[in-house]
């Protein structure tokens, strides 16, 4: 993924990794991989809740130049999960 992004490792300032909820074996594997990658490359690793991350991607992906459509706090969201 890093190679295909066109970025170099020196451009990565932090790593966010899901710690749950989810299938524990996959969540654990991803967390361990991210943690080891961060330690090896001296990059801080921040654990995040998967559901909360989905909520906040709405703020990250919006066009902030459109002030009429800016997502402001507090906001309501629905997460459907199996």
Protein backbone atom coordinates (compact mmCIF):
# COMPACT_ATOMS: atom_id res chain seq x y z
CA UNK A 1 0.00 0.00 0.00
CA UNK A 2 2.83 2.38 0.81
CA UNK A 3 4.49 1.75 -2.55
CA UNK A 4 1.28 2.24 -4.52
CA UNK A 5 0.51 5.49 -2.65
CA UNK A 6 3.66 7.14 -3.97
CA UNK A 7 4.66 8.19 -0.44
CA UNK A 8 7.92 7.42 1.29
CA UNK A 9 8.11 5.97 4.79
CA UNK A 10 9.53 9.27 6.06
CA UNK A 11 6.18 10.97 5.26
CA UNK A 12 4.26 8.76 7.73
CA UNK A 13 3.94 10.61 11.03
CA UNK A 14 1.54 8.26 12.82
CA UNK A 15 -0.34 4.97 12.44
CA UNK A 16 -3.99 4.50 13.43
CA UNK A 17 -5.11 0.91 13.88
CA UNK A 18 -8.48 -0.62 14.75
CA UNK A 19 -8.68 -2.31 18.15
CA UNK A 20 -12.30 -3.39 17.93
CA UNK A 21 -15.05 -4.24 17.72
CA UNK A 22 -14.65 -6.95 15.14
CA UNK A 23 -13.45 -10.50 14.62
CA UNK A 24 -10.87 -10.74 17.40
CA UNK A 25 -8.31 -12.81 15.47
CA UNK A 26 -8.21 -10.29 12.62
CA UNK A 27 -8.26 -7.27 14.92
CA UNK A 28 -5.43 -8.75 17.01
CA UNK A 29 -3.34 -9.57 13.93
CA UNK A 30 -3.78 -6.07 12.51
CA UNK A 31 -2.95 -4.43 15.83
CA UNK A 32 0.20 -6.53 16.32
CA UNK A 33 1.34 -5.85 12.75
CA UNK A 34 0.80 -2.09 13.12
CA UNK A 35 2.47 -2.03 16.53
CA UNK A 36 5.55 -3.90 15.28
CA UNK A 37 5.72 -1.73 12.15
CA UNK A 38 5.56 1.38 14.31
CA UNK A 39 8.26 0.15 16.68
CA UNK A 40 10.54 -0.91 13.81
CA UNK A 41 10.19 2.47 12.09
CA UNK A 42 9.90 4.69 15.18
CA UNK A 43 6.35 5.80 14.29
CA UNK A 44 3.71 6.29 17.01
CA UNK A 45 0.73 3.92 16.87
CA UNK A 46 -2.75 5.04 17.97
CA UNK A 47 -5.47 2.46 18.63
CA UNK A 48 -8.96 3.48 17.47
CA UNK A 49 -12.43 2.04 17.84
CA UNK A 50 -13.69 0.80 14.47
CA UNK A 51 -17.21 2.20 14.86
CA UNK A 52 -15.95 5.61 16.00
CA UNK A 53 -13.58 5.71 13.05
CA UNK A 54 -16.51 5.21 10.65
CA UNK A 55 -18.34 8.12 12.30
CA UNK A 56 -15.45 10.53 11.92
CA UNK A 57 -14.63 9.68 8.31
CA UNK A 58 -17.66 11.80 7.43
CA UNK A 59 -15.78 14.85 8.73
CA UNK A 60 -12.56 13.82 6.98
CA UNK A 61 -14.14 13.23 3.59
CA UNK A 62 -16.39 16.27 3.36
CA UNK A 63 -15.46 19.27 1.27
CA UNK A 64 -14.70 21.79 4.00
CA UNK A 65 -14.79 24.71 1.56
CA UNK A 66 -18.56 24.31 1.33
CA UNK A 67 -19.53 26.02 4.60
CA UNK A 68 -23.23 25.29 4.11
CA UNK A 69 -22.53 21.56 4.22
CA UNK A 70 -20.05 21.50 7.09
CA UNK A 71 -20.69 18.71 9.61
CA UNK A 72 -20.84 20.37 13.03
CA UNK A 73 -20.89 18.94 16.54
CA UNK A 74 -23.05 17.58 17.94
CA UNK A 75 -24.27 15.33 15.14
CA UNK A 76 -26.32 12.16 15.05
CA UNK A 77 -25.30 9.02 13.24
CA UNK A 78 -26.55 5.45 12.92
CA UNK A 79 -24.25 2.45 12.72
CA UNK A 80 -25.73 -0.88 11.68
CA UNK A 81 -23.55 -3.87 12.44
CA UNK A 82 -24.05 -7.59 12.42
